[in-house]
Amino acid sequence: MTAFWRRFLVGLILAFQVGIGSASAQEEVVQVNPHIREDQLYIDADVAFEISSELRTAAEKGVPIYFVAELQIKSERWWWFDKTVVDEQLSWRLVYNVLTRQWRVGTGDLSLPEPSLDDALSFVRNIRGWAVGDIEEFDPDEQYQGRLRVRLDTSRLPRPFQIDAYNSSAWNMATPWKDFTFSISDVARDPS
């Protein structure tokens, strides 16, 4: 192999890696805000991400798309492993009904109509009022470490799309974990 081709291959690999790095930089949990209301700990979070054109096309053809937010809150223990206080997931289902030309976004049994895919995605991008635990489980003076991420749940896609998701990076949407710390005594309390 000549020196020209080696430099060409190295340049191609570097360009590919830079392209991957810039795509993942667009996916992030921007902020996480814990707050207390009615003796419950709630999480609000803002997430920045864009979906690929392949994923958008599949959704516009009626393929249900699932997103999952994963939250872990731990307290440090010097004498043993850290104690997991909260390990929760929140999932959303986005689906387009081709006959009615309407988007629906839902979590659990609740499903709401939305006029566009971007409006439906705003529920995933702006997590509000997620009840994650009773404040009696938390010591008021202790500092807790939390982390949150949002990802596309490819395991709930129809089988042919799972194979596509396995073979294509366009279906691998996941934010890196966002670390945050808080203390129950410092968390803002919402008026009930």
N, C-alpha and C. Protein backbone atom coordinates (compact mmCIF):
# COMPACT_ATOMS: atom_id res chain seq x y z
N MET A 1 0.85 -1.17 0.00
CA MET A 1 0.00 0.00 0.00
C MET A 1 0.90 1.23 0.00
N THR A 2 0.59 2.15 -0.85
CA THR A 2 1.41 3.35 -0.97
C THR A 2 1.08 4.34 0.15
N ALA A 3 1.98 5.27 0.33
CA ALA A 3 1.79 6.28 1.38
C ALA A 3 0.56 7.12 1.11
N PHE A 4 0.24 7.38 -0.15
CA PHE A 4 -0.95 8.15 -0.50
C PHE A 4 -2.21 7.46 0.01
N TRP A 5 -2.33 6.17 -0.25
CA TRP A 5 -3.53 5.44 0.14
C TRP A 5 -3.62 5.32 1.66
N ARG A 6 -2.49 5.17 2.34
CA ARG A 6 -2.52 5.12 3.80
C ARG A 6 -3.04 6.44 4.37
N ARG A 7 -2.51 7.55 3.84
CA ARG A 7 -2.99 8.87 4.31
C ARG A 7 -4.46 9.07 3.97
N PHE A 8 -4.87 8.60 2.81
CA PHE A 8 -6.28 8.72 2.41
C PHE A 8 -7.17 7.94 3.37
N LEU A 9 -6.79 6.71 3.71
CA LEU A 9 -7.58 5.89 4.64
C LEU A 9 -7.61 6.50 6.03
N VAL A 10 -6.48 7.00 6.50
CA VAL A 10 -6.44 7.64 7.83
C VAL A 10 -7.34 8.88 7.84
N GLY A 11 -7.27 9.68 6.77
CA GLY A 11 -8.14 10.86 6.67
C GLY A 11 -9.60 10.48 6.63
N LEU A 12 -9.94 9.43 5.91
CA LEU A 12 -11.33 8.97 5.83
C LEU A 12 -11.82 8.49 7.19
N ILE A 13 -11.00 7.74 7.90
CA ILE A 13 -11.39 7.26 9.23
C ILE A 13 -11.56 8.43 10.19
N LEU A 14 -10.66 9.40 10.16
CA LEU A 14 -10.78 10.57 11.03
C LEU A 14 -12.03 11.38 10.71
N ALA A 15 -12.32 11.54 9.43
CA ALA A 15 -13.53 12.28 9.05
C ALA A 15 -14.78 11.55 9.52
N PHE A 16 -14.77 10.24 9.45
CA PHE A 16 -15.91 9.44 9.91
C PHE A 16 -16.07 9.59 11.41
N GLN A 17 -14.96 9.55 12.16
CA GLN A 17 -15.04 9.69 13.61
C GLN A 17 -15.50 11.08 14.01
N VAL A 18 -15.06 12.11 13.33
CA VAL A 18 -15.51 13.47 13.61
C VAL A 18 -17.01 13.58 13.33
N GLY A 19 -17.48 12.96 12.28
CA GLY A 19 -18.92 12.98 11.96
C GLY A 19 -19.73 12.30 13.03
N ILE A 20 -19.24 11.18 13.56
CA ILE A 20 -19.95 10.50 14.64
C ILE A 20 -19.94 11.34 15.90
N GLY A 21 -18.82 11.95 16.22
CA GLY A 21 -18.72 12.78 17.42
C GLY A 21 -19.64 13.97 17.37
N SER A 22 -19.79 14.61 16.21
CA SER A 22 -20.66 15.77 16.12
C SER A 22 -22.12 15.36 16.19
N ALA A 23 -22.47 14.17 15.71
CA ALA A 23 -23.86 13.72 15.81
C ALA A 23 -24.23 13.44 17.25
N SER A 24 -23.31 12.83 18.01
CA SER A 24 -23.64 12.51 19.39
C SER A 24 -23.63 13.76 20.27
N ALA A 25 -22.93 14.81 19.87
CA ALA A 25 -22.90 16.03 20.66
C ALA A 25 -24.25 16.74 20.64
N GLN A 26 -25.09 16.45 19.67
CA GLN A 26 -26.40 17.06 19.58
C GLN A 26 -27.39 16.41 20.54
N GLU A 27 -27.07 15.24 21.07
CA GLU A 27 -27.97 14.53 21.96
C GLU A 27 -27.46 14.67 23.38
N GLU A 28 -28.20 15.40 24.21
CA GLU A 28 -27.77 15.57 25.59
C GLU A 28 -28.94 15.96 26.47
N VAL A 29 -28.82 15.61 27.74
CA VAL A 29 -29.74 16.09 28.76
C VAL A 29 -29.18 17.43 29.20
N VAL A 30 -29.93 18.49 28.92
CA VAL A 30 -29.44 19.84 29.17
C VAL A 30 -29.47 20.18 30.65
N GLN A 31 -30.59 19.89 31.31
CA GLN A 31 -30.69 20.20 32.73
C GLN A 31 -31.67 19.26 33.41
N VAL A 32 -31.44 19.05 34.70
CA VAL A 32 -32.31 18.22 35.54
C VAL A 32 -32.63 19.03 36.80
N ASN A 33 -33.91 19.17 37.10
CA ASN A 33 -34.34 19.96 38.26
C ASN A 33 -35.24 19.12 39.16
N PRO A 34 -34.73 18.65 40.30
CA PRO A 34 -35.61 17.98 41.27
C PRO A 34 -36.39 19.03 42.07
N HIS A 35 -37.64 18.72 42.39
CA HIS A 35 -38.44 19.58 43.25
C HIS A 35 -39.43 18.73 44.04
N ILE A 36 -39.96 19.32 45.10
CA ILE A 36 -40.86 18.59 46.00
C ILE A 36 -42.24 19.20 45.94
N ARG A 37 -43.25 18.32 45.85
CA ARG A 37 -44.65 18.74 45.88
C ARG A 37 -45.43 17.62 46.55
N GLU A 38 -46.23 17.98 47.54
CA GLU A 38 -47.09 17.03 48.23
C GLU A 38 -46.32 15.80 48.73
N ASP A 39 -45.17 16.05 49.37
CA ASP A 39 -44.31 15.01 49.95
C ASP A 39 -43.81 13.99 48.93
N GLN A 40 -43.69 14.39 47.68
CA GLN A 40 -43.14 13.55 46.62
C GLN A 40 -41.98 14.28 45.96
N LEU A 41 -40.97 13.52 45.54
CA LEU A 41 -39.87 14.09 44.77
C LEU A 41 -40.23 13.98 43.30
N TYR A 42 -40.19 15.10 42.60
CA TYR A 42 -40.49 15.15 41.18
C TYR A 42 -39.24 15.59 40.42
N ILE A 43 -39.15 15.14 39.18
CA ILE A 43 -38.03 15.51 38.32
C ILE A 43 -38.57 16.23 37.09
N ASP A 44 -37.98 17.37 36.79
CA ASP A 44 -38.18 18.08 35.52
C ASP A 44 -36.84 18.05 34.80
N ALA A 45 -36.87 17.82 33.49
CA ALA A 45 -35.62 17.77 32.73
C ALA A 45 -35.86 18.28 31.32
N ASP A 46 -34.84 18.86 30.75
CA ASP A 46 -34.85 19.30 29.35
C ASP A 46 -33.80 18.50 28.60
N VAL A 47 -34.21 17.93 27.48
CA VAL A 47 -33.35 17.06 26.68
C VAL A 47 -33.28 17.62 25.26
N ALA A 48 -32.07 17.67 24.73
CA ALA A 48 -31.86 18.14 23.35
C ALA A 48 -31.46 16.97 22.49
N PHE A 49 -32.25 16.68 21.47
CA PHE A 49 -31.90 15.65 20.51
C PHE A 49 -32.70 15.85 19.23
N GLU A 50 -32.17 15.32 18.16
CA GLU A 50 -32.87 15.28 16.87
C GLU A 50 -32.96 13.83 16.44
N ILE A 51 -34.01 13.50 15.73
CA ILE A 51 -34.13 12.14 15.23
C ILE A 51 -33.65 12.09 13.79
N SER A 52 -33.19 10.94 13.38
CA SER A 52 -32.66 10.78 12.02
C SER A 52 -33.79 10.78 11.01
N SER A 53 -33.44 11.02 9.77
CA SER A 53 -34.45 11.03 8.71
C SER A 53 -35.07 9.64 8.53
N GLU A 54 -34.28 8.57 8.73
CA GLU A 54 -34.82 7.21 8.62
C GLU A 54 -35.88 6.95 9.69
N LEU A 55 -35.60 7.40 10.91
CA LEU A 55 -36.55 7.24 12.00
C LEU A 55 -37.80 8.08 11.77
N ARG A 56 -37.62 9.29 11.29
CA ARG A 56 -38.76 10.16 10.98
C ARG A 56 -39.64 9.54 9.89
N THR A 57 -39.02 9.00 8.84
CA THR A 57 -39.78 8.37 7.74
C THR A 57 -40.56 7.18 8.25
N ALA A 58 -39.94 6.34 9.08
CA ALA A 58 -40.64 5.17 9.62
C ALA A 58 -41.82 5.60 10.49
N ALA A 59 -41.62 6.64 11.31
CA ALA A 59 -42.70 7.13 12.17
C ALA A 59 -43.85 7.69 11.34
N GLU A 60 -43.53 8.40 10.25
CA GLU A 60 -44.56 8.97 9.40
C GLU A 60 -45.35 7.91 8.64
N LYS A 61 -44.82 6.71 8.57
CA LYS A 61 -45.53 5.59 7.93
C LYS A 61 -46.34 4.78 8.93
N GLY A 62 -46.35 5.21 10.20
CA GLY A 62 -47.19 4.55 11.19
C GLY A 62 -46.48 3.59 12.11
N VAL A 63 -45.15 3.50 12.04
CA VAL A 63 -44.41 2.61 12.94
C VAL A 63 -44.34 3.27 14.32
N PRO A 64 -44.83 2.60 15.37
CA PRO A 64 -44.75 3.20 16.71
C PRO A 64 -43.30 3.31 17.17
N ILE A 65 -42.95 4.45 17.73
CA ILE A 65 -41.60 4.74 18.21
C ILE A 65 -41.68 4.90 19.73
N TYR A 66 -40.75 4.25 20.42
CA TYR A 66 -40.73 4.28 21.88
C TYR A 66 -39.45 4.95 22.37
N PHE A 67 -39.61 5.84 23.34
CA PHE A 67 -38.48 6.48 24.01
C PHE A 67 -38.55 6.14 25.49
N VAL A 68 -37.38 6.05 26.13
CA VAL A 68 -37.31 5.72 27.55
C VAL A 68 -36.37 6.71 28.24
N ALA A 69 -36.83 7.26 29.36
CA ALA A 69 -35.97 8.04 30.24
C ALA A 69 -35.60 7.15 31.42
N GLU A 70 -34.31 7.07 31.71
CA GLU A 70 -33.82 6.25 32.81
C GLU A 70 -33.21 7.15 33.87
N LEU A 71 -33.63 6.94 35.11
CA LEU A 71 -33.18 7.77 36.23
C LEU A 71 -32.65 6.88 37.33
N GLN A 72 -31.49 7.24 37.87
CA GLN A 72 -30.91 6.56 39.02
C GLN A 72 -30.48 7.61 40.02
N ILE A 73 -30.86 7.39 41.28
CA ILE A 73 -30.43 8.26 42.37
C ILE A 73 -29.80 7.37 43.43
N LYS A 74 -28.58 7.73 43.84
CA LYS A 74 -27.85 6.92 44.81
C LYS A 74 -27.33 7.80 45.95
N SER A 75 -27.12 7.15 47.09
CA SER A 75 -26.44 7.81 48.21
C SER A 75 -25.15 7.05 48.47
N GLU A 76 -24.10 7.80 48.75
CA GLU A 76 -22.79 7.19 48.99
C GLU A 76 -22.73 6.56 50.37
N ARG A 77 -22.05 5.42 50.42
CA ARG A 77 -21.75 4.77 51.70
C ARG A 77 -20.27 4.45 51.71
N TRP A 78 -19.57 4.85 52.72
CA TRP A 78 -18.13 4.64 52.78
C TRP A 78 -17.80 3.19 53.07
N TRP A 79 -18.70 2.46 53.69
CA TRP A 79 -18.40 1.11 54.16
C TRP A 79 -18.91 0.01 53.23
N TRP A 80 -19.62 0.37 52.17
CA TRP A 80 -20.18 -0.65 51.28
C TRP A 80 -20.45 0.01 49.94
N PHE A 81 -21.10 -0.72 49.04
CA PHE A 81 -21.47 -0.13 47.77
C PHE A 81 -22.48 0.99 47.99
N ASP A 82 -22.56 1.90 47.03
CA ASP A 82 -23.53 2.98 47.12
C ASP A 82 -24.95 2.40 47.15
N LYS A 83 -25.81 3.06 47.90
CA LYS A 83 -27.20 2.60 48.04
C LYS A 83 -28.05 3.24 46.94
N THR A 84 -28.76 2.41 46.19
CA THR A 84 -29.66 2.91 45.16
C THR A 84 -31.00 3.27 45.80
N VAL A 85 -31.34 4.54 45.75
CA VAL A 85 -32.59 5.02 46.35
C VAL A 85 -33.71 5.01 45.31
N VAL A 86 -33.39 5.42 44.08
CA VAL A 86 -34.37 5.47 42.99
C VAL A 86 -33.74 4.84 41.75
N ASP A 87 -34.48 3.94 41.11
CA ASP A 87 -34.09 3.37 39.81
C ASP A 87 -35.39 3.26 39.01
N GLU A 88 -35.71 4.31 38.27
CA GLU A 88 -36.99 4.42 37.58
C GLU A 88 -36.82 4.60 36.08
N GLN A 89 -37.86 4.22 35.36
CA GLN A 89 -37.92 4.46 33.92
C GLN A 89 -39.28 5.06 33.58
N LEU A 90 -39.27 5.93 32.60
CA LEU A 90 -40.49 6.53 32.07
C LEU A 90 -40.45 6.34 30.57
N SER A 91 -41.50 5.76 30.01
CA SER A 91 -41.48 5.51 28.56
C SER A 91 -42.62 6.23 27.87
N TRP A 92 -42.37 6.60 26.62
CA TRP A 92 -43.35 7.26 25.78
C TRP A 92 -43.53 6.45 24.51
N ARG A 93 -44.74 6.45 23.98
CA ARG A 93 -45.05 5.81 22.71
C ARG A 93 -45.55 6.89 21.76
N LEU A 94 -44.87 7.06 20.63
CA LEU A 94 -45.28 8.02 19.60
C LEU A 94 -45.74 7.23 18.40
N VAL A 95 -46.92 7.54 17.92
CA VAL A 95 -47.44 6.81 16.76
C VAL A 95 -48.26 7.77 15.90
N TYR A 96 -48.17 7.54 14.60
CA TYR A 96 -48.91 8.34 13.63
C TYR A 96 -50.00 7.47 13.03
N ASN A 97 -51.24 7.96 13.09
CA ASN A 97 -52.35 7.25 12.47
C ASN A 97 -52.52 7.82 11.06
N VAL A 98 -52.21 6.99 10.07
CA VAL A 98 -52.22 7.44 8.69
C VAL A 98 -53.63 7.80 8.24
N LEU A 99 -54.64 7.08 8.73
CA LEU A 99 -56.02 7.35 8.31
C LEU A 99 -56.54 8.68 8.83
N THR A 100 -56.29 8.97 10.09
CA THR A 100 -56.78 10.23 10.67
C THR A 100 -55.76 11.36 10.54
N ARG A 101 -54.55 11.03 10.09
CA ARG A 101 -53.46 11.99 9.96
C ARG A 101 -53.21 12.74 11.26
N GLN A 102 -53.09 11.96 12.32
CA GLN A 102 -52.92 12.54 13.64
C GLN A 102 -51.82 11.79 14.40
N TRP A 103 -50.98 12.56 15.06
CA TRP A 103 -49.94 12.00 15.93
C TRP A 103 -50.52 11.80 17.31
N ARG A 104 -50.09 10.73 17.99
CA ARG A 104 -50.48 10.50 19.37
C ARG A 104 -49.23 10.18 20.16
N VAL A 105 -49.15 10.78 21.34
CA VAL A 105 -48.04 10.52 22.25
C VAL A 105 -48.64 10.09 23.57
N GLY A 106 -48.07 9.05 24.14
CA GLY A 106 -48.63 8.55 25.39
C GLY A 106 -47.59 7.94 26.29
N THR A 107 -47.91 7.96 27.57
CA THR A 107 -47.13 7.27 28.58
C THR A 107 -48.12 6.53 29.46
N GLY A 108 -47.91 5.24 29.60
CA GLY A 108 -48.86 4.42 30.33
C GLY A 108 -50.16 4.31 29.54
N ASP A 109 -51.29 4.52 30.21
CA ASP A 109 -52.59 4.44 29.55
C ASP A 109 -53.03 5.77 28.95
N LEU A 110 -52.34 6.85 29.27
CA LEU A 110 -52.70 8.18 28.79
C LEU A 110 -52.10 8.42 27.41
N SER A 111 -52.93 8.85 26.47
CA SER A 111 -52.47 9.16 25.12
C SER A 111 -53.12 10.47 24.67
N LEU A 112 -52.30 11.38 24.15
CA LEU A 112 -52.79 12.68 23.76
C LEU A 112 -52.56 12.92 22.27
N PRO A 113 -53.50 13.59 21.59
CA PRO A 113 -53.28 13.92 20.17
C PRO A 113 -52.37 15.12 20.04
N GLU A 114 -51.54 15.10 19.00
CA GLU A 114 -50.65 16.21 18.70
C GLU A 114 -50.67 16.47 17.20
N PRO A 115 -50.51 17.73 16.78
CA PRO A 115 -50.61 18.04 15.34
C PRO A 115 -49.39 17.62 14.51
N SER A 116 -48.21 17.47 15.14
CA SER A 116 -47.01 17.14 14.36
C SER A 116 -46.09 16.26 15.18
N LEU A 117 -45.11 15.67 14.50
CA LEU A 117 -44.12 14.84 15.18
C LEU A 117 -43.29 15.67 16.15
N ASP A 118 -42.92 16.87 15.77
CA ASP A 118 -42.12 17.72 16.66
C ASP A 118 -42.89 18.09 17.92
N ASP A 119 -44.20 18.30 17.80
CA ASP A 119 -45.02 18.57 18.98
C ASP A 119 -45.09 17.34 19.88
N ALA A 120 -45.19 16.16 19.27
CA ALA A 120 -45.20 14.92 20.05
C ALA A 120 -43.86 14.70 20.74
N LEU A 121 -42.77 15.01 20.04
CA LEU A 121 -41.43 14.85 20.62
C LEU A 121 -41.17 15.84 21.76
N SER A 122 -41.92 16.93 21.82
CA SER A 122 -41.72 17.90 22.90
C SER A 122 -42.01 17.29 24.27
N PHE A 123 -42.86 16.25 24.32
CA PHE A 123 -43.11 15.56 25.59
C PHE A 123 -41.86 14.84 26.07
N VAL A 124 -41.09 14.30 25.12
CA VAL A 124 -39.85 13.60 25.47
C VAL A 124 -38.75 14.61 25.75
N ARG A 125 -38.72 15.70 25.02
CA ARG A 125 -37.67 16.70 25.19
C ARG A 125 -37.85 17.53 26.45
N ASN A 126 -39.08 17.65 26.93
CA ASN A 126 -39.37 18.47 28.11
C ASN A 126 -40.12 17.63 29.13
N ILE A 127 -39.39 16.91 29.95
CA ILE A 127 -39.99 16.04 30.97
C ILE A 127 -40.44 16.93 32.12
N ARG A 128 -41.70 16.84 32.47
CA ARG A 128 -42.25 17.67 33.54
C ARG A 128 -43.09 16.82 34.50
N GLY A 129 -42.87 17.04 35.79
CA GLY A 129 -43.70 16.43 36.82
C GLY A 129 -43.59 14.91 36.91
N TRP A 130 -42.38 14.37 36.79
CA TRP A 130 -42.18 12.93 36.88
C TRP A 130 -41.99 12.57 38.35
N ALA A 131 -43.00 11.95 38.96
CA ALA A 131 -42.91 11.55 40.36
C ALA A 131 -42.02 10.33 40.48
N VAL A 132 -40.92 10.47 41.24
CA VAL A 132 -39.94 9.39 41.30
C VAL A 132 -39.78 8.78 42.69
N GLY A 133 -40.34 9.40 43.71
CA GLY A 133 -40.20 8.81 45.04
C GLY A 133 -40.80 9.66 46.13
N ASP A 134 -41.05 9.01 47.25
CA ASP A 134 -41.56 9.66 48.44
C ASP A 134 -40.40 10.30 49.19
N ILE A 135 -40.56 11.52 49.68
CA ILE A 135 -39.42 12.20 50.33
C ILE A 135 -39.04 11.53 51.64
N GLU A 136 -39.89 10.68 52.20
CA GLU A 136 -39.54 9.96 53.42
C GLU A 136 -38.39 8.98 53.18
N GLU A 137 -38.13 8.62 51.92
CA GLU A 137 -37.03 7.71 51.58
C GLU A 137 -35.69 8.43 51.59
N PHE A 138 -35.70 9.76 51.68
CA PHE A 138 -34.48 10.56 51.60
C PHE A 138 -34.17 11.20 52.94
N ASP A 139 -32.90 11.22 53.30
CA ASP A 139 -32.43 11.91 54.50
C ASP A 139 -32.26 13.38 54.13
N PRO A 140 -32.84 14.31 54.90
CA PRO A 140 -32.80 15.73 54.52
C PRO A 140 -31.39 16.32 54.41
N ASP A 141 -30.44 15.81 55.20
CA ASP A 141 -29.10 16.41 55.22
C ASP A 141 -28.10 15.70 54.31
N GLU A 142 -28.52 14.67 53.65
CA GLU A 142 -27.59 13.89 52.82
C GLU A 142 -27.55 14.42 51.39
N GLN A 143 -26.36 14.34 50.79
CA GLN A 143 -26.17 14.73 49.39
C GLN A 143 -26.37 13.49 48.52
N TYR A 144 -27.27 13.57 47.54
CA TYR A 144 -27.57 12.45 46.66
C TYR A 144 -27.01 12.71 45.27
N GLN A 145 -26.55 11.63 44.63
CA GLN A 145 -26.04 11.70 43.26
C GLN A 145 -27.08 11.05 42.35
N GLY A 146 -27.47 11.80 41.33
CA GLY A 146 -28.43 11.27 40.37
C GLY A 146 -27.84 11.29 38.97
N ARG A 147 -28.44 10.51 38.11
CA ARG A 147 -28.07 10.55 36.69
C ARG A 147 -29.29 10.18 35.87
N LEU A 148 -29.37 10.81 34.69
CA LEU A 148 -30.54 10.67 33.83
C LEU A 148 -30.08 10.59 32.39
N ARG A 149 -30.75 9.76 31.62
CA ARG A 149 -30.53 9.72 30.18
C ARG A 149 -31.83 9.36 29.49
N VAL A 150 -31.91 9.69 28.19
CA VAL A 150 -33.07 9.37 27.36
C VAL A 150 -32.55 8.62 26.14
N ARG A 151 -33.27 7.57 25.76
CA ARG A 151 -32.84 6.78 24.61
C ARG A 151 -34.05 6.26 23.85
N LEU A 152 -33.80 5.91 22.59
CA LEU A 152 -34.79 5.25 21.76
C LEU A 152 -34.82 3.78 22.17
N ASP A 153 -36.00 3.25 22.47
CA ASP A 153 -36.12 1.85 22.89
C ASP A 153 -36.35 0.99 21.65
N THR A 154 -35.27 0.49 21.07
CA THR A 154 -35.37 -0.31 19.84
C THR A 154 -35.91 -1.71 20.10
N SER A 155 -35.92 -2.16 21.35
CA SER A 155 -36.42 -3.50 21.65
C SER A 155 -37.93 -3.60 21.48
N ARG A 156 -38.63 -2.48 21.46
CA ARG A 156 -40.09 -2.49 21.32
C ARG A 156 -40.55 -2.19 19.89
N LEU A 157 -39.60 -2.03 18.98
CA LEU A 157 -39.94 -1.83 17.57
C LEU A 157 -40.41 -3.15 16.96
N PRO A 158 -41.17 -3.11 15.87
CA PRO A 158 -41.49 -4.34 15.15
C PRO A 158 -40.20 -5.02 14.68
N ARG A 159 -40.22 -6.36 14.57
CA ARG A 159 -39.02 -7.15 14.27
C ARG A 159 -38.20 -6.65 13.08
N PRO A 160 -38.80 -6.36 11.92
CA PRO A 160 -37.95 -5.90 10.81
C PRO A 160 -37.18 -4.62 11.13
N PHE A 161 -37.79 -3.75 11.92
CA PHE A 161 -37.13 -2.50 12.28
C PHE A 161 -36.06 -2.73 13.35
N GLN A 162 -36.23 -3.75 14.19
CA GLN A 162 -35.19 -4.09 15.15
C GLN A 162 -33.92 -4.51 14.44
N ILE A 163 -34.08 -5.25 13.34
CA ILE A 163 -32.92 -5.66 12.55
C ILE A 163 -32.25 -4.44 11.93
N ASP A 164 -33.06 -3.51 11.40
CA ASP A 164 -32.50 -2.27 10.86
C ASP A 164 -31.77 -1.48 11.95
N ALA A 165 -32.38 -1.42 13.14
CA ALA A 165 -31.78 -0.68 14.24
C ALA A 165 -30.46 -1.30 14.66
N TYR A 166 -30.36 -2.61 14.59
CA TYR A 166 -29.13 -3.29 14.95
C TYR A 166 -28.02 -3.00 13.93
N ASN A 167 -28.39 -2.87 12.67
CA ASN A 167 -27.42 -2.70 11.60
C ASN A 167 -27.14 -1.25 11.23
N SER A 168 -27.91 -0.30 11.73
CA SER A 168 -27.76 1.09 11.31
C SER A 168 -27.61 2.01 12.51
N SER A 169 -26.67 2.94 12.42
CA SER A 169 -26.48 3.91 13.51
C SER A 169 -27.57 4.97 13.51
N ALA A 170 -28.37 5.06 12.45
CA ALA A 170 -29.44 6.06 12.39
C ALA A 170 -30.54 5.77 13.41
N TRP A 171 -30.60 4.53 13.89
CA TRP A 171 -31.63 4.13 14.86
C TRP A 171 -31.09 4.11 16.29
N ASN A 172 -29.85 4.48 16.50
CA ASN A 172 -29.25 4.43 17.83
C ASN A 172 -29.22 5.81 18.45
N MET A 173 -30.35 6.28 18.92
CA MET A 173 -30.44 7.58 19.55
C MET A 173 -30.41 7.39 21.06
N ALA A 174 -29.39 7.92 21.71
CA ALA A 174 -29.30 7.88 23.18
C ALA A 174 -28.44 9.04 23.64
N THR A 175 -28.90 9.70 24.68
CA THR A 175 -28.11 10.77 25.26
C THR A 175 -27.10 10.16 26.23
N PRO A 176 -25.99 10.81 26.45
CA PRO A 176 -25.10 10.35 27.52
C PRO A 176 -25.77 10.62 28.87
N TRP A 177 -25.31 9.93 29.89
CA TRP A 177 -25.85 10.16 31.23
C TRP A 177 -25.53 11.58 31.68
N LYS A 178 -26.52 12.23 32.26
CA LYS A 178 -26.33 13.57 32.86
C LYS A 178 -26.29 13.39 34.37
N ASP A 179 -25.16 13.73 34.98
CA ASP A 179 -25.01 13.62 36.43
C ASP A 179 -25.50 14.90 37.09
N PHE A 180 -26.14 14.74 38.25
CA PHE A 180 -26.57 15.88 39.05
C PHE A 180 -26.56 15.49 40.52
N THR A 181 -26.41 16.47 41.38
CA THR A 181 -26.44 16.23 42.83
C THR A 181 -27.48 17.15 43.45
N PHE A 182 -28.03 16.68 44.57
CA PHE A 182 -29.01 17.49 45.28
C PHE A 182 -29.14 16.99 46.70
N SER A 183 -29.73 17.82 47.53
CA SER A 183 -30.08 17.47 48.90
C SER A 183 -31.54 17.85 49.10
N ILE A 184 -32.28 17.02 49.80
CA ILE A 184 -33.71 17.29 49.99
C ILE A 184 -33.92 18.63 50.70
N SER A 185 -33.02 19.00 51.60
CA SER A 185 -33.17 20.28 52.31
C SER A 185 -32.96 21.47 51.38
N ASP A 186 -32.24 21.28 50.25
CA ASP A 186 -31.98 22.37 49.31
C ASP A 186 -32.94 22.42 48.13
N VAL A 187 -33.75 21.36 47.95
CA VAL A 187 -34.65 21.27 46.81
C VAL A 187 -35.83 22.21 47.00
N ALA A 188 -36.22 22.90 45.95
CA ALA A 188 -37.35 23.82 46.01
C ALA A 188 -38.65 23.05 46.23
N ARG A 189 -39.50 23.63 47.06
CA ARG A 189 -40.81 23.02 47.32
C ARG A 189 -41.86 23.82 46.58
N ASP A 190 -42.67 23.12 45.78
CA ASP A 190 -43.76 23.77 45.06
C ASP A 190 -44.95 23.93 45.98
N PRO A 191 -45.67 25.04 45.88
CA PRO A 191 -46.85 25.20 46.72
C PRO A 191 -47.92 24.17 46.31
N SER A 192 -48.52 23.55 47.29
CA SER A 192 -49.52 22.50 47.02
C SER A 192 -50.87 23.08 46.69
